[in-house]
C-alpha atoms as a PDB file:
ATOM      1  CA  MET A   1     -37.858 -48.776 -53.191  1.00  0.00           C
ATOM      2  CA  THR A   2     -35.043 -46.335 -52.481  1.00  0.00           C
ATOM      3  CA  LEU A   3     -31.588 -47.727 -51.798  1.00  0.00           C
ATOM      4  CA  GLU A   4     -29.360 -45.724 -49.508  1.00  0.00           C
ATOM      5  CA  VAL A   5     -25.629 -46.097 -49.139  1.00  0.00           C
ATOM      6  CA  ASP A   6     -23.059 -44.409 -46.965  1.00  0.00           C
ATOM      7  CA  ARG A   7     -20.667 -42.878 -49.509  1.00  0.00           C
ATOM      8  CA  SER A   8     -17.867 -42.367 -46.964  1.00  0.00           C
ATOM      9  CA  SER A   9     -14.415 -43.481 -47.958  1.00  0.00           C
ATOM     10  CA  GLU A  10     -14.246 -46.096 -45.199  1.00  0.00           C
ATOM     11  CA  ILE A  11     -15.409 -49.337 -46.783  1.00  0.00           C
ATOM     12  CA  GLY A  12     -16.457 -50.936 -43.504  1.00  0.00           C
ATOM     13  CA  THR A  13     -19.006 -48.212 -42.785  1.00  0.00           C
ATOM     14  CA  VAL A  14     -21.443 -48.894 -45.633  1.00  0.00           C
ATOM     15  CA  SER A  15     -25.062 -48.855 -44.542  1.00  0.00           C
ATOM     16  CA  GLY A  16     -26.382 -50.466 -47.704  1.00  0.00           C
ATOM     17  CA  PRO A  17     -25.217 -52.149 -50.868  1.00  0.00           C
ATOM     18  CA  PHE A  18     -22.721 -50.382 -53.092  1.00  0.00           C
ATOM     19  CA  LEU A  19     -24.642 -48.178 -55.544  1.00  0.00           C
ATOM     20  CA  SER A  20     -23.320 -47.436 -59.003  1.00  0.00           C
ATOM     21  CA  SER A  21     -23.667 -44.067 -60.626  1.00  0.00           C
ATOM     22  CA  VAL A  22     -26.883 -43.484 -62.562  1.00  0.00           C
ATOM     23  CA  MET A  23     -26.484 -44.845 -66.088  1.00  0.00           C
ATOM     24  CA  GLN A  24     -28.437 -44.090 -69.253  1.00  0.00           C
ATOM     25  CA  ILE A  25     -29.576 -46.572 -71.879  1.00  0.00           C
ATOM     26  CA  GLU A  26     -27.910 -45.966 -75.236  1.00  0.00           C
ATOM     27  CA  PRO A  27     -30.133 -45.948 -78.363  1.00  0.00           C
ATOM     28  CA  GLY A  28     -28.090 -48.704 -80.062  1.00  0.00           C
ATOM     29  CA  TRP A  29     -28.831 -51.052 -77.162  1.00  0.00           C
ATOM     30  CA  ILE A  30     -32.554 -51.227 -77.932  1.00  0.00           C
ATOM     31  CA  ASP A  31     -33.512 -54.343 -79.893  1.00  0.00           C
ATOM     32  CA  TYR A  32     -36.316 -54.986 -82.378  1.00  0.00           C
ATOM     33  CA  ASN A  33     -38.666 -55.773 -79.461  1.00  0.00           C
ATOM     34  CA  GLY A  34     -38.383 -52.163 -78.348  1.00  0.00           C
ATOM     35  CA  HIS A  35     -36.551 -52.841 -75.090  1.00  0.00           C
ATOM     36  CA  LEU A  36     -33.007 -53.209 -73.807  1.00  0.00           C
ATOM     37  CA  ASN A  37     -31.319 -56.147 -75.539  1.00  0.00           C
ATOM     38  CA  MET A  38     -30.266 -58.874 -73.105  1.00  0.00           C
ATOM     39  CA  ALA A  39     -26.546 -58.401 -73.845  1.00  0.00           C
ATOM     40  CA  TYR A  40     -26.598 -54.810 -72.607  1.00  0.00           C
ATOM     41  CA  TYR A  41     -27.933 -55.737 -69.195  1.00  0.00           C
ATOM     42  CA  ASN A  42     -24.519 -57.377 -68.772  1.00  0.00           C
ATOM     43  CA  VAL A  43     -22.799 -54.167 -69.913  1.00  0.00           C
ATOM     44  CA  LEU A  44     -24.632 -52.238 -67.195  1.00  0.00           C
ATOM     45  CA  PHE A  45     -23.796 -54.857 -64.553  1.00  0.00           C
ATOM     46  CA  ASP A  46     -20.155 -54.845 -65.688  1.00  0.00           C
ATOM     47  CA  ARG A  47     -19.908 -51.054 -65.480  1.00  0.00           C
ATOM     48  CA  ALA A  48     -21.214 -51.211 -61.902  1.00  0.00           C
ATOM     49  CA  ILE A  49     -18.664 -53.911 -61.033  1.00  0.00           C
ATOM     50  CA  ASP A  50     -15.913 -51.688 -62.437  1.00  0.00           C
ATOM     51  CA  GLN A  51     -17.073 -48.955 -60.042  1.00  0.00           C
ATOM     52  CA  ILE A  52     -17.097 -51.162 -56.934  1.00  0.00           C
ATOM     53  CA  TRP A  53     -13.787 -52.776 -57.946  1.00  0.00           C
ATOM     54  CA  SER A  54     -12.263 -49.298 -58.150  1.00  0.00           C
ATOM     55  CA  LYS A  55     -13.533 -48.524 -54.626  1.00  0.00           C
ATOM     56  CA  LEU A  56     -12.038 -51.830 -53.402  1.00  0.00           C
ATOM     57  CA  GLY A  57      -8.675 -51.048 -55.031  1.00  0.00           C
ATOM     58  CA  ILE A  58      -8.874 -53.683 -57.783  1.00  0.00           C
ATOM     59  CA  GLY A  59      -9.807 -51.492 -60.750  1.00  0.00           C
ATOM     60  CA  VAL A  60      -7.761 -50.507 -63.785  1.00  0.00           C
ATOM     61  CA  ASP A  61      -5.116 -48.772 -61.608  1.00  0.00           C
ATOM     62  CA  TYR A  62      -4.573 -52.079 -59.787  1.00  0.00           C
ATOM     63  CA  LEU A  63      -4.015 -53.847 -63.102  1.00  0.00           C
ATOM     64  CA  ASN A  64      -1.535 -51.204 -64.232  1.00  0.00           C
ATOM     65  CA  THR A  65       0.421 -50.895 -60.974  1.00  0.00           C
ATOM     66  CA  ARG A  66       0.199 -54.359 -59.405  1.00  0.00           C
ATOM     67  CA  GLY A  67      -0.508 -56.671 -62.313  1.00  0.00           C
ATOM     68  CA  GLY A  68      -3.712 -58.208 -60.963  1.00  0.00           C
ATOM     69  CA  SER A  69      -7.267 -58.286 -62.229  1.00  0.00           C
ATOM     70  CA  THR A  70     -10.458 -60.296 -61.955  1.00  0.00           C
ATOM     71  CA  PHE A  71     -12.148 -62.575 -64.460  1.00  0.00           C
ATOM     72  CA  THR A  72     -15.766 -63.665 -64.282  1.00  0.00           C
ATOM     73  CA  ALA A  73     -15.991 -67.434 -63.836  1.00  0.00           C
ATOM     74  CA  GLU A  74     -19.779 -67.742 -63.770  1.00  0.00           C
ATOM     75  CA  ALA A  75     -22.833 -65.506 -64.141  1.00  0.00           C
ATOM     76  CA  HIS A  76     -26.583 -66.004 -63.761  1.00  0.00           C
ATOM     77  CA  VAL A  77     -28.830 -63.205 -65.018  1.00  0.00           C
ATOM     78  CA  ARG A  78     -32.573 -62.941 -64.395  1.00  0.00           C
ATOM     79  CA  TYR A  79     -34.605 -60.555 -66.567  1.00  0.00           C
ATOM     80  CA  LEU A  80     -37.598 -59.453 -64.504  1.00  0.00           C
ATOM     81  CA  ARG A  81     -38.965 -56.247 -66.051  1.00  0.00           C
ATOM     82  CA  GLU A  82     -38.240 -54.482 -69.323  1.00  0.00           C
ATOM     83  CA  ILE A  83     -35.988 -51.453 -69.509  1.00  0.00           C
ATOM     84  CA  HIS A  84     -36.586 -48.960 -72.320  1.00  0.00           C
ATOM     85  CA  LEU A  85     -34.733 -46.084 -73.924  1.00  0.00           C
ATOM     86  CA  GLY A  86     -34.858 -43.099 -71.577  1.00  0.00           C
ATOM     87  CA  ASP A  87     -35.012 -45.176 -68.379  1.00  0.00           C
ATOM     88  CA  PRO A  88     -32.246 -44.081 -65.990  1.00  0.00           C
ATOM     89  CA  VAL A  89     -30.815 -47.070 -64.118  1.00  0.00           C
ATOM     90  CA  ARG A  90     -28.385 -47.862 -61.341  1.00  0.00           C
ATOM     91  CA  VAL A  91     -27.021 -51.080 -59.946  1.00  0.00           C
ATOM     92  CA  ALA A  92     -26.863 -52.145 -56.304  1.00  0.00           C
ATOM     93  CA  VAL A  93     -23.957 -54.537 -55.701  1.00  0.00           C
ATOM     94  CA  TYR A  94     -23.731 -56.880 -52.724  1.00  0.00           C
ATOM     95  CA  ILE A  95     -20.634 -58.872 -51.879  1.00  0.00           C
ATOM     96  CA  VAL A  96     -22.201 -62.146 -50.805  1.00  0.00           C
ATOM     97  CA  GLU A  97     -18.975 -63.939 -49.906  1.00  0.00           C
ATOM     98  CA  ALA A  98     -15.261 -63.764 -50.633  1.00  0.00           C
ATOM     99  CA  ASP A  99     -12.159 -65.809 -49.997  1.00  0.00           C
ATOM    100  CA  GLU A 100      -8.499 -65.403 -50.871  1.00  0.00           C
ATOM    101  CA  LYS A 101      -9.100 -65.850 -54.629  1.00  0.00           C
ATOM    102  CA  ARG A 102     -12.814 -65.301 -55.334  1.00  0.00           C
ATOM    103  CA  ILE A 103     -15.614 -62.780 -54.887  1.00  0.00           C
ATOM    104  CA  HIS A 104     -19.284 -63.831 -55.050  1.00  0.00           C
ATOM    105  CA  THR A 105     -21.459 -60.833 -55.945  1.00  0.00           C
ATOM    106  CA  PHE A 106     -25.165 -60.229 -56.429  1.00  0.00           C
ATOM    107  CA  GLU A 107     -26.331 -57.221 -58.416  1.00  0.00           C
ATOM    108  CA  GLU A 108     -29.759 -55.640 -58.791  1.00  0.00           C
ATOM    109  CA  LEU A 109     -30.485 -53.378 -61.773  1.00  0.00           C
ATOM    110  CA  ARG A 110     -33.175 -50.883 -60.776  1.00  0.00           C
ATOM    111  CA  HIS A 111     -34.917 -47.936 -62.341  1.00  0.00           C
ATOM    112  CA  ALA A 112     -32.971 -45.046 -60.805  1.00  0.00           C
ATOM    113  CA  GLU A 113     -35.998 -42.833 -60.154  1.00  0.00           C
ATOM    114  CA  ASP A 114     -38.849 -45.251 -59.428  1.00  0.00           C
ATOM    115  CA  GLY A 115     -36.798 -48.008 -57.764  1.00  0.00           C
ATOM    116  CA  TRP A 116     -38.414 -51.018 -59.439  1.00  0.00           C
ATOM    117  CA  LEU A 117     -36.275 -54.080 -60.084  1.00  0.00           C
ATOM    118  CA  SER A 118     -35.494 -54.867 -63.713  1.00  0.00           C
ATOM    119  CA  ALA A 119     -32.856 -57.612 -63.517  1.00  0.00           C
ATOM    120  CA  THR A 120     -30.421 -59.381 -61.226  1.00  0.00           C
ATOM    121  CA  SER A 121     -27.016 -60.888 -61.877  1.00  0.00           C
ATOM    122  CA  GLU A 122     -25.175 -63.279 -59.593  1.00  0.00           C
ATOM    123  CA  ASN A 123     -21.488 -63.725 -60.332  1.00  0.00           C
ATOM    124  CA  MET A 124     -18.349 -65.511 -59.238  1.00  0.00           C
ATOM    125  CA  SER A 125     -15.178 -63.577 -60.013  1.00  0.00           C
ATOM    126  CA  MET A 126     -11.638 -64.886 -59.677  1.00  0.00           C
ATOM    127  CA  HIS A 127      -8.482 -62.911 -58.924  1.00  0.00           C
ATOM    128  CA  VAL A 128      -5.897 -63.402 -61.677  1.00  0.00           C
ATOM    129  CA  ASP A 129      -2.173 -62.687 -61.749  1.00  0.00           C
ATOM    130  CA  MET A 130      -1.972 -61.157 -65.215  1.00  0.00           C
ATOM    131  CA  ALA A 131       1.707 -62.078 -65.718  1.00  0.00           C
ATOM    132  CA  SER A 132       0.908 -65.795 -65.451  1.00  0.00           C
ATOM    133  CA  ARG A 133      -2.812 -65.443 -66.312  1.00  0.00           C
ATOM    134  CA  LYS A 134      -3.558 -67.874 -63.516  1.00  0.00           C
ATOM    135  CA  VAL A 135      -5.858 -67.612 -60.523  1.00  0.00           C
ATOM    136  CA  ALA A 136      -3.909 -66.274 -57.542  1.00  0.00           C
ATOM    137  CA  PRO A 137      -4.620 -64.983 -54.020  1.00  0.00           C
ATOM    138  CA  PHE A 138      -5.482 -61.331 -53.549  1.00  0.00           C
ATOM    139  CA  PRO A 139      -2.749 -59.309 -51.818  1.00  0.00           C
ATOM    140  CA  ASP A 140      -3.388 -58.982 -48.062  1.00  0.00           C
ATOM    141  CA  ASP A 141      -4.409 -55.296 -48.202  1.00  0.00           C
ATOM    142  CA  ILE A 142      -6.927 -55.950 -50.974  1.00  0.00           C
ATOM    143  CA  ARG A 143      -8.291 -59.036 -49.227  1.00  0.00           C
ATOM    144  CA  ALA A 144      -8.812 -56.957 -46.074  1.00  0.00           C
ATOM    145  CA  SER A 145     -10.712 -54.299 -48.037  1.00  0.00           C
ATOM    146  CA  ILE A 146     -12.935 -56.925 -49.670  1.00  0.00           C
ATOM    147  CA  ARG A 147     -13.503 -58.643 -46.314  1.00  0.00           C
ATOM    148  CA  ARG A 148     -14.640 -55.374 -44.676  1.00  0.00           C
ATOM    149  CA  MET A 149     -17.184 -54.722 -47.388  1.00  0.00           C
ATOM    150  CA  ALA A 150     -18.376 -58.357 -47.403  1.00  0.00           C
ATOM    151  CA  GLU A 151     -18.879 -58.229 -43.620  1.00  0.00           C
ATOM    152  CA  ALA A 152     -20.864 -54.993 -43.923  1.00  0.00           C
ATOM    153  CA  HIS A 153     -23.019 -56.505 -46.688  1.00  0.00           C
ATOM    154  CA  ARG A 154     -23.670 -59.689 -44.682  1.00  0.00           C
ATOM    155  CA  ALA A 155     -25.358 -57.503 -42.053  1.00  0.00           C
ATOM    156  CA  LEU A 156     -27.908 -56.337 -44.663  1.00  0.00           C
ATOM    157  CA  PRO A 157     -31.118 -58.175 -45.500  1.00  0.00           C
ATOM    158  CA  GLN A 158     -30.269 -60.734 -48.184  1.00  0.00           C
ATOM    159  CA  PRO A 159     -31.801 -59.835 -51.556  1.00  0.00           C
ATOM    160  CA  GLU A 160     -34.308 -62.254 -53.059  1.00  0.00           C
ATOM    161  CA  GLY A 161     -32.823 -64.453 -55.747  1.00  0.00           C
ATOM    162  CA  ILE A 162     -29.374 -65.289 -54.402  1.00  0.00           C
ATOM    163  CA  GLY A 163     -28.439 -68.876 -55.197  1.00  0.00           C
ATOM    164  CA  ARG A 164     -31.242 -69.538 -57.657  1.00  0.00           C
ATOM    165  CA  ARG A 165     -30.698 -72.135 -60.324  1.00  0.00           C
ATOM    166  CA  ILE A 166     -32.163 -72.715 -63.735  1.00  0.00           C
ATOM    167  CA  ALA A 167     -34.527 -75.679 -63.999  1.00  0.00           C
ATOM    168  CA  MET A 168     -37.737 -76.660 -65.720  1.00  0.00           C
ATOM    169  CA  PRO A 169     -40.739 -76.735 -63.405  1.00  0.00           C
ATOM    170  CA  SER A 170     -41.512 -80.178 -62.008  1.00  0.00           C
ATOM    171  CA  LYS A 171     -44.292 -81.940 -63.830  1.00  0.00           C
ATOM    172  CA  ARG A 172     -46.990 -83.396 -61.648  1.00  0.00           C
ATOM    173  CA  PRO A 173     -47.965 -86.956 -62.424  1.00  0.00           C
ATOM    174  CA  VAL A 174     -51.313 -87.303 -64.167  1.00  0.00           C
ATOM    175  CA  THR A 175     -53.806 -89.120 -61.997  1.00  0.00           C
ATOM    176  CA  ALA A 176     -56.753 -91.110 -63.295  1.00  0.00           C
ATOM    177  CA  SER A 177     -60.172 -89.873 -62.312  1.00  0.00           C
END
């Protein structure tokens, strides 16, 4: 599967999910099972979020000039296929929903050349006023930028896995024969 995105500077014109740059797996991230350790999937997802946040105007420059940032309130990661050293990866990020204080995202980690899905991460991020370290509304210009991208992403086919929950499979009652 190849993901395409309009890389124009106008956020409302995206034709696909936001795509991160291609990232490489670092040797120290490989665990004793010979694959990417679960913690580093989150590093890759976080690096992709930093890239989309920068495009939306809420990256490190926003923190330094306007005193706002985002904190992750909740995350749900699914590990679907192993990633190994040497596998180039990229993350597709969808803004599922947003309001004045929160952004709900869904990310897909894919092999950058072959397109297969390795993992997904669904997250709820909160906007924080760093002076008070309390949740606060996004400024109007930032909220408008987020809204434009969220509207563009809502027009896309919804990726499989959004809204999943963790639960043990239901046990069927044993019937007498």
